[in-house]
């Protein structure tokens, strides 16, 4: 990946002038080639035909640090915007920061260009940079995506009920631990039930830890005697550290790990392969990480959320600036799916469905802090 700079813009524009018909389109995050990084070069143009409601508008995205391809929130935001573009018809460009200074520089470059009606900032890493440099461009509007923040009139915050997402993950882990076996496709793995569930997080901060507090409570909801083993990696990308920590959890008797570890979670998959353990996805459907190790994914409804936001913006030119909008079970902002190859016991499926409905109805209040986990006393009545 090339460094983000104005020099790159000059080179690209010269290239366009020389060859005339060069078309720039975003590359899928598959590890092949280099995506367009520089604002001012439209990464994708809307389809021609009847003029859609987003015609004439330009949307930009700055992904999470490290770029696309790790199957987490940066990828989910990218694909959600692409899907919305197909229907709404706006122009779209994106950039991939490799460091925190990159992130701030990209915000400045996009804002200075004056070409983008709305800039999406994916993940928690965008919050500090936009608060730092955004005021220098008071007319620029942003969507701070997957982080809760309110009071800044330059952006709307779209965040998810991570406590509820985690709660479902903890419920599934506990239910499958009780069974003492997992069948995926034609392979059945049997194990001795220990009542231990692994929980891992990349960096523990209030805006991310509630996925794990929710999972701990979900586990207790199924079996109050179960124990969670909790590990903090200290990084969102380091697969080696994730693997090392996951190996230690599996070696202590854990069979299932639920995590909020970003792209570093691929290291947990590597550990699961070595220890014949299992993994529960987060953020998106992470079955593709390893269809033999991922039993299900508790996730955010990113496509629906992004479509709602962009449709409102394209129709009205405005969003509830300064507000933070929660996407939760009650408004279908979160979801859950099994690995399609997992043989799901009937009672497991029924309980997970019932828990999701109770979350929607407000009958379960998933904890957001560890103190709330300790106080959580609800137990599923079978």
Protein backbone atom coordinates (compact mmCIF):
# COMPACT_ATOMS: atom_id res chain seq x y z
CA UNK A 1 0.00 0.00 0.00
CA UNK A 2 1.38 3.40 -0.93
CA UNK A 3 1.65 6.24 1.54
CA UNK A 4 -1.27 8.67 1.59
CA UNK A 5 -0.11 12.03 0.26
CA UNK A 6 -0.95 14.94 -1.98
CA UNK A 7 1.91 13.84 -4.20
CA UNK A 8 0.00 10.69 -4.95
CA UNK A 9 -2.97 12.82 -6.05
CA UNK A 10 -0.76 14.74 -8.47
CA UNK A 11 0.61 11.52 -9.95
CA UNK A 12 -2.86 10.06 -10.34
CA UNK A 13 -4.25 13.17 -11.99
CA UNK A 14 -1.32 13.28 -14.39
CA UNK A 15 -1.95 9.65 -15.21
CA UNK A 16 -5.60 10.38 -15.92
CA UNK A 17 -4.74 13.29 -18.20
CA UNK A 18 -2.21 11.18 -20.08
CA UNK A 19 -4.47 8.24 -20.78
CA UNK A 20 -7.82 9.98 -20.74
CA UNK A 21 -10.13 7.07 -20.22
CA UNK A 22 -8.72 5.54 -17.08
CA UNK A 23 -11.59 4.38 -14.83
CA UNK A 24 -11.07 4.28 -11.09
CA UNK A 25 -13.12 1.77 -9.11
CA UNK A 26 -12.69 0.42 -5.57
CA UNK A 27 -10.94 -2.91 -5.24
CA UNK A 28 -12.57 -5.51 -3.07
CA UNK A 29 -10.67 -6.22 0.17
CA UNK A 30 -9.32 -9.58 -0.95
CA UNK A 31 -5.65 -8.85 -0.53
CA UNK A 32 -5.08 -8.32 -4.24
CA UNK A 33 -3.96 -4.96 -5.60
CA UNK A 34 -4.07 -1.60 -3.88
CA UNK A 35 -7.34 0.25 -3.22
CA UNK A 36 -7.72 3.89 -4.17
CA UNK A 37 -6.48 5.99 -1.27
CA UNK A 38 -6.55 9.59 -2.40
CA UNK A 39 -9.57 11.89 -2.05
CA UNK A 40 -10.55 13.59 -5.27
CA UNK A 41 -10.41 10.41 -7.34
CA UNK A 42 -13.87 8.89 -7.40
CA UNK A 43 -13.53 5.25 -6.44
CA UNK A 44 -16.90 4.15 -7.76
CA UNK A 45 -19.56 5.81 -9.87
CA UNK A 46 -23.30 5.03 -9.69
CA UNK A 47 -25.04 3.01 -12.35
CA UNK A 48 -26.66 4.92 -15.20
CA UNK A 49 -30.41 4.93 -15.78
CA UNK A 50 -33.27 6.62 -13.94
CA UNK A 51 -31.75 9.19 -11.64
CA UNK A 52 -31.58 7.72 -8.12
CA UNK A 53 -32.04 9.82 -4.98
CA UNK A 54 -28.30 9.90 -4.30
CA UNK A 55 -27.31 11.23 -7.69
CA UNK A 56 -24.96 14.18 -7.35
CA UNK A 57 -23.86 13.28 -3.82
CA UNK A 58 -20.42 11.96 -2.90
CA UNK A 59 -19.72 9.75 0.09
CA UNK A 60 -16.28 8.89 1.50
CA UNK A 61 -15.11 6.26 3.97
CA UNK A 62 -12.00 6.05 6.10
CA UNK A 63 -11.66 2.44 7.25
CA UNK A 64 -10.26 1.16 10.50
CA UNK A 65 -6.48 1.33 10.92
CA UNK A 66 -4.84 -1.47 8.97
CA UNK A 67 -7.32 -1.27 6.12
CA UNK A 68 -9.68 -3.77 4.59
CA UNK A 69 -9.52 -7.53 4.55
CA UNK A 70 -9.79 -8.55 8.21
CA UNK A 71 -13.54 -9.27 8.17
CA UNK A 72 -14.38 -6.81 10.95
CA UNK A 73 -16.14 -3.45 11.19
CA UNK A 74 -14.04 -1.71 8.52
CA UNK A 75 -14.99 -4.34 5.96
CA UNK A 76 -18.61 -4.30 7.11
CA UNK A 77 -18.83 -0.52 6.66
CA UNK A 78 -17.21 -0.68 3.23
CA UNK A 79 -19.54 -3.38 1.93
CA UNK A 80 -22.58 -1.72 3.52
CA UNK A 81 -21.83 1.53 1.68
CA UNK A 82 -21.27 -0.35 -1.59
CA UNK A 83 -24.64 -2.06 -1.20
CA UNK A 84 -26.36 1.25 -0.47
CA UNK A 85 -24.65 2.83 -3.48
CA UNK A 86 -26.24 0.26 -5.80
CA UNK A 87 -29.70 1.49 -4.78
CA UNK A 88 -29.09 5.16 -4.01
CA UNK A 89 -26.61 6.06 -6.76
CA UNK A 90 -24.10 8.30 -4.99
CA UNK A 91 -20.39 8.46 -5.85
CA UNK A 92 -18.09 6.70 -3.41
CA UNK A 93 -14.43 6.81 -2.45
CA UNK A 94 -12.49 5.32 0.44
CA UNK A 95 -9.09 5.32 2.12
CA UNK A 96 -7.22 2.89 4.36
CA UNK A 97 -5.11 4.37 7.16
CA UNK A 98 -2.13 2.42 8.41
CA UNK A 99 -1.61 4.52 11.54
CA UNK A 100 -3.33 7.13 13.71
CA UNK A 101 -1.47 10.02 11.98
CA UNK A 102 -2.71 8.63 8.65
CA UNK A 103 -6.27 8.84 9.93
CA UNK A 104 -6.04 12.51 10.81
CA UNK A 105 -4.29 13.32 7.53
CA UNK A 106 -7.01 11.59 5.53
CA UNK A 107 -9.77 13.52 7.29
CA UNK A 108 -7.94 16.76 6.45
CA UNK A 109 -7.41 15.76 2.83
CA UNK A 110 -11.03 14.76 2.27
CA UNK A 111 -12.38 17.85 4.03
CA UNK A 112 -10.03 20.24 2.21
CA UNK A 113 -11.10 18.82 -1.15
CA UNK A 114 -14.66 20.04 -0.54
CA UNK A 115 -15.92 17.21 -2.73
CA UNK A 116 -17.61 14.97 -0.17
CA UNK A 117 -21.05 15.56 1.27
CA UNK A 118 -20.57 12.98 4.00
CA UNK A 119 -17.55 11.12 5.38
CA UNK A 120 -17.94 7.81 7.22
CA UNK A 121 -15.35 7.09 9.93
CA UNK A 122 -15.31 3.37 10.77
CA UNK A 123 -14.68 2.28 14.33
CA UNK A 124 -13.43 3.87 17.51
CA UNK A 125 -10.19 5.01 15.89
CA UNK A 126 -11.92 7.83 14.03
CA UNK A 127 -13.32 9.62 17.06
CA UNK A 128 -10.25 11.43 18.39
CA UNK A 129 -9.05 12.57 14.93
CA UNK A 130 -12.42 14.03 13.92
CA UNK A 131 -12.77 15.83 17.23
CA UNK A 132 -9.25 17.21 16.78
CA UNK A 133 -9.34 18.45 13.18
CA UNK A 134 -13.04 18.53 12.32
CA UNK A 135 -13.61 22.02 13.75
CA UNK A 136 -11.18 23.37 11.14
CA UNK A 137 -13.78 22.38 8.52
CA UNK A 138 -17.09 23.38 10.11
CA UNK A 139 -19.16 22.70 6.98
CA UNK A 140 -17.97 19.10 6.65
CA UNK A 141 -20.34 16.43 7.97
CA UNK A 142 -19.41 12.96 9.24
CA UNK A 143 -20.88 9.69 10.42
CA UNK A 144 -18.94 8.27 13.36
CA UNK A 145 -19.71 4.60 12.89
CA UNK A 146 -19.72 1.91 15.59
CA UNK A 147 -18.86 4.26 18.43
CA UNK A 148 -21.13 6.16 20.81
CA UNK A 149 -20.50 9.91 20.98
CA UNK A 150 -22.87 12.83 21.13
CA UNK A 151 -22.84 16.60 21.37
CA UNK A 152 -20.75 17.39 18.29
CA UNK A 153 -22.90 19.11 15.62
CA UNK A 154 -20.55 17.98 12.85
CA UNK A 155 -21.48 14.32 13.07
CA UNK A 156 -24.07 11.73 13.95
CA UNK A 157 -22.92 8.70 15.91
CA UNK A 158 -24.26 5.29 14.91
CA UNK A 159 -23.50 2.65 17.51
CA UNK A 160 -24.70 -0.82 18.44
CA UNK A 161 -25.94 -2.48 21.60
CA UNK A 162 -22.75 -4.49 22.06
CA UNK A 163 -23.99 -5.74 25.40
CA UNK A 164 -26.90 -7.44 23.66
CA UNK A 165 -24.66 -8.82 20.90
CA UNK A 166 -22.37 -10.27 23.56
CA UNK A 167 -25.27 -11.65 25.56
CA UNK A 168 -26.34 -13.82 22.62
CA UNK A 169 -22.75 -15.01 22.16
CA UNK A 170 -22.51 -16.00 25.82
CA UNK A 171 -25.82 -17.84 25.66
CA UNK A 172 -24.68 -19.89 22.65
CA UNK A 173 -21.31 -20.71 24.25
CA UNK A 174 -22.93 -21.94 27.46
CA UNK A 175 -25.57 -23.99 25.65
CA UNK A 176 -23.00 -25.71 23.47
CA UNK A 177 -20.68 -26.31 26.44
CA UNK A 178 -23.52 -28.20 28.12
CA UNK A 179 -23.83 -30.53 25.15
CA UNK A 180 -20.28 -31.86 25.34
CA UNK A 181 -20.04 -32.12 21.57
CA UNK A 182 -20.10 -30.09 18.39
CA UNK A 183 -21.08 -31.42 14.98
CA UNK A 184 -20.07 -29.38 11.95
CA UNK A 185 -20.80 -31.09 8.65
CA UNK A 186 -19.94 -34.76 9.02
CA UNK A 187 -17.43 -34.24 11.84
CA UNK A 188 -18.39 -34.56 15.51
CA UNK A 189 -15.99 -33.31 18.18
CA UNK A 190 -16.65 -34.62 21.70
CA UNK A 191 -15.22 -33.04 24.85
CA UNK A 192 -15.50 -33.24 28.61
CA UNK A 193 -17.64 -30.38 29.88
CA UNK A 194 -15.69 -28.06 32.18
CA UNK A 195 -18.14 -25.17 32.53
CA UNK A 196 -15.44 -22.72 31.44
CA UNK A 197 -16.03 -20.14 28.67
CA UNK A 198 -13.29 -18.00 27.17
CA UNK A 199 -13.78 -14.26 26.66
CA UNK A 200 -11.20 -12.10 24.86
CA UNK A 201 -10.97 -8.41 24.00
CA UNK A 202 -8.47 -6.43 21.97
CA UNK A 203 -8.32 -3.31 24.14
CA UNK A 204 -10.54 -2.84 27.18
CA UNK A 205 -12.28 0.53 27.05
CA UNK A 206 -15.89 1.36 28.02
CA UNK A 207 -17.01 1.55 24.39
CA UNK A 208 -15.86 -1.99 23.61
CA UNK A 209 -15.88 -3.98 26.85
CA UNK A 210 -19.68 -4.22 27.02
CA UNK A 211 -19.59 -6.94 24.36
CA UNK A 212 -17.72 -9.05 26.92
CA UNK A 213 -19.81 -8.05 29.94
CA UNK A 214 -22.86 -9.01 27.92
CA UNK A 215 -21.32 -12.37 27.08
CA UNK A 216 -20.43 -13.08 30.70
CA UNK A 217 -24.02 -12.37 31.72
CA UNK A 218 -25.40 -14.48 28.86
CA UNK A 219 -23.31 -17.40 30.06
CA UNK A 220 -24.57 -16.94 33.64
CA UNK A 221 -28.14 -16.68 32.33
CA UNK A 222 -27.88 -20.25 31.06
CA UNK A 223 -25.84 -21.67 33.94
CA UNK A 224 -24.93 -19.49 36.94
CA UNK A 225 -22.26 -22.03 37.96
CA UNK A 226 -20.26 -21.56 34.76
CA UNK A 227 -16.97 -19.68 34.91
CA UNK A 228 -15.57 -17.22 32.39
CA UNK A 229 -11.85 -16.86 31.76
CA UNK A 230 -11.14 -13.34 30.55
CA UNK A 231 -8.15 -12.18 28.54
CA UNK A 232 -7.09 -8.72 27.34
CA UNK A 233 -4.81 -8.75 24.29
CA UNK A 234 -3.78 -5.08 24.34
CA UNK A 235 -4.03 -4.71 20.56
CA UNK A 236 -6.66 -4.94 17.80
CA UNK A 237 -4.44 -6.40 15.07
CA UNK A 238 -1.76 -8.63 16.61
CA UNK A 239 -2.67 -12.19 15.65
CA UNK A 240 0.34 -13.69 17.43
CA UNK A 241 -0.71 -12.21 20.79
CA UNK A 242 -4.28 -13.38 20.22
CA UNK A 243 -3.09 -16.88 19.46
CA UNK A 244 -0.87 -17.03 22.53
CA UNK A 245 -3.66 -15.88 24.84
CA UNK A 246 -6.24 -18.17 23.22
CA UNK A 247 -3.93 -21.18 23.58
CA UNK A 248 -3.67 -20.48 27.30
CA UNK A 249 -7.47 -20.37 27.61
CA UNK A 250 -7.98 -23.58 25.66
CA UNK A 251 -5.28 -25.23 27.79
CA UNK A 252 -7.22 -24.27 30.95
CA UNK A 253 -10.26 -26.22 29.80
CA UNK A 254 -12.09 -23.72 27.60
CA UNK A 255 -13.82 -25.14 24.52
CA UNK A 256 -15.51 -21.95 23.22
CA UNK A 257 -14.14 -18.42 22.95
CA UNK A 258 -16.31 -15.37 22.33
CA UNK A 259 -14.31 -12.29 21.43
CA UNK A 260 -14.20 -8.66 20.45
CA UNK A 261 -10.64 -8.61 19.13
CA UNK A 262 -10.78 -7.04 15.67
CA UNK A 263 -8.64 -8.54 12.96
CA UNK A 264 -6.38 -10.06 15.61
CA UNK A 265 -9.13 -12.63 16.15
CA UNK A 266 -7.65 -14.67 13.32
CA UNK A 267 -5.00 -15.65 15.85
CA UNK A 268 -7.72 -17.22 17.99
CA UNK A 269 -8.76 -19.27 14.98
CA UNK A 270 -5.17 -20.52 14.66
CA UNK A 271 -5.21 -21.54 18.32
CA UNK A 272 -8.59 -23.25 17.92
CA UNK A 273 -7.17 -25.39 15.12
CA UNK A 274 -4.25 -26.48 17.30
CA UNK A 275 -6.39 -27.26 20.36
CA UNK A 276 -9.52 -28.57 18.64
CA UNK A 277 -11.46 -25.66 20.12
CA UNK A 278 -14.24 -23.43 18.81
CA UNK A 279 -14.89 -19.75 18.17
CA UNK A 280 -17.94 -17.46 18.18
CA UNK A 281 -17.82 -14.57 15.71
CA UNK A 282 -18.50 -10.92 16.44
CA UNK A 283 -19.27 -7.81 14.34
CA UNK A 284 -20.09 -9.75 11.16
CA UNK A 285 -20.71 -13.32 10.05
CA UNK A 286 -17.20 -14.67 10.60
CA UNK A 287 -17.92 -18.24 9.50
CA UNK A 288 -15.59 -17.69 6.56
CA UNK A 289 -12.65 -17.29 8.95
CA UNK A 290 -12.83 -21.06 9.46
CA UNK A 291 -16.02 -23.03 8.74
CA UNK A 292 -14.69 -25.90 10.84
CA UNK A 293 -14.11 -23.78 13.98
CA UNK A 294 -16.70 -20.96 13.95
CA UNK A 295 -20.03 -22.22 15.32
CA UNK A 296 -21.95 -18.96 14.91
CA UNK A 297 -21.68 -15.18 14.91
CA UNK A 298 -23.41 -12.59 17.06
CA UNK A 299 -23.29 -9.48 14.93
CA UNK A 300 -24.37 -6.01 13.94
CA UNK A 301 -26.91 -5.43 11.17
CA UNK A 302 -24.50 -3.20 9.32
CA UNK A 303 -26.10 -3.27 5.86
CA UNK A 304 -29.52 -2.27 7.17
CA UNK A 305 -28.12 0.46 9.42
CA UNK A 306 -25.95 1.99 6.72
CA UNK A 307 -28.78 1.87 4.19
CA UNK A 308 -31.11 3.65 6.62
CA UNK A 309 -28.58 6.39 7.33
CA UNK A 310 -27.59 6.99 3.72
CA UNK A 311 -31.15 6.89 2.43
CA UNK A 312 -32.16 9.53 4.96
CA UNK A 313 -29.18 11.67 4.03
CA UNK A 314 -29.77 11.36 0.29
CA UNK A 315 -33.46 12.20 0.68
CA UNK A 316 -33.14 15.11 3.11
CA UNK A 317 -29.51 16.22 3.02
CA UNK A 318 -29.44 15.99 6.78
CA UNK A 319 -29.02 13.62 9.73
CA UNK A 320 -29.58 14.12 13.47
CA UNK A 321 -26.28 15.92 13.93
CA UNK A 322 -24.95 15.85 17.46
CA UNK A 323 -26.96 12.80 18.42
CA UNK A 324 -26.00 9.17 19.06
CA UNK A 325 -28.38 6.58 17.62
CA UNK A 326 -28.37 3.10 19.15
CA UNK A 327 -29.04 0.08 16.95
CA UNK A 328 -30.28 -2.76 19.14
CA UNK A 329 -32.50 -5.83 19.24
CA UNK A 330 -35.69 -3.80 19.55
CA UNK A 331 -35.10 -2.00 16.23
CA UNK A 332 -33.48 -4.99 14.50
CA UNK A 333 -30.05 -3.38 14.74
CA UNK A 334 -28.35 -6.59 15.84
CA UNK A 335 -28.51 -10.13 14.51
CA UNK A 336 -27.30 -13.68 14.96
CA UNK A 337 -26.48 -16.56 12.66
CA UNK A 338 -25.16 -20.08 12.97
CA UNK A 339 -22.48 -21.62 10.84
CA UNK A 340 -24.64 -23.16 8.07
CA UNK A 341 -22.82 -26.47 8.54
CA UNK A 342 -23.39 -26.60 12.32
CA UNK A 343 -25.87 -29.23 13.48
CA UNK A 344 -27.86 -27.11 15.90
CA UNK A 345 -29.66 -29.06 18.64
CA UNK A 346 -33.36 -28.22 18.72
CA UNK A 347 -33.32 -27.00 22.31
CA UNK A 348 -30.33 -24.72 21.61
CA UNK A 349 -32.09 -23.14 18.64
CA UNK A 350 -35.28 -22.64 20.66
CA UNK A 351 -33.48 -21.01 23.60
CA UNK A 352 -31.41 -18.67 21.41
CA UNK A 353 -34.58 -17.60 19.59
CA UNK A 354 -36.39 -17.00 22.90
CA UNK A 355 -33.48 -14.93 24.25
CA UNK A 356 -33.41 -12.78 21.13
CA UNK A 357 -37.14 -12.14 21.48
CA UNK A 358 -36.76 -11.24 25.16
CA UNK A 359 -34.01 -8.77 24.27
CA UNK A 360 -36.31 -7.23 21.66
CA UNK A 361 -39.12 -6.97 24.21
CA UNK A 362 -36.88 -5.43 26.87
CA UNK A 363 -37.31 -8.36 29.26
CA UNK A 364 -33.54 -8.84 29.50
CA UNK A 365 -31.25 -5.94 30.40
CA UNK A 366 -27.77 -7.03 29.38
CA UNK A 367 -24.99 -5.59 31.59
CA UNK A 368 -22.60 -2.92 30.34
CA UNK A 369 -20.05 -3.11 33.17
CA UNK A 370 -18.36 -5.83 35.22
CA UNK A 371 -20.10 -4.56 38.37
CA UNK A 372 -23.42 -5.08 36.60
CA UNK A 373 -22.33 -8.61 35.64
CA UNK A 374 -21.70 -9.43 39.30
CA UNK A 375 -25.17 -8.12 40.18
CA UNK A 376 -26.89 -9.92 37.29
CA UNK A 377 -29.06 -12.69 38.73
CA UNK A 378 -31.57 -13.58 36.02
CA UNK A 379 -31.60 -17.25 35.01
CA UNK A 380 -33.32 -18.79 32.01
CA UNK A 381 -36.30 -20.89 33.12
CA UNK A 382 -36.41 -24.19 31.24
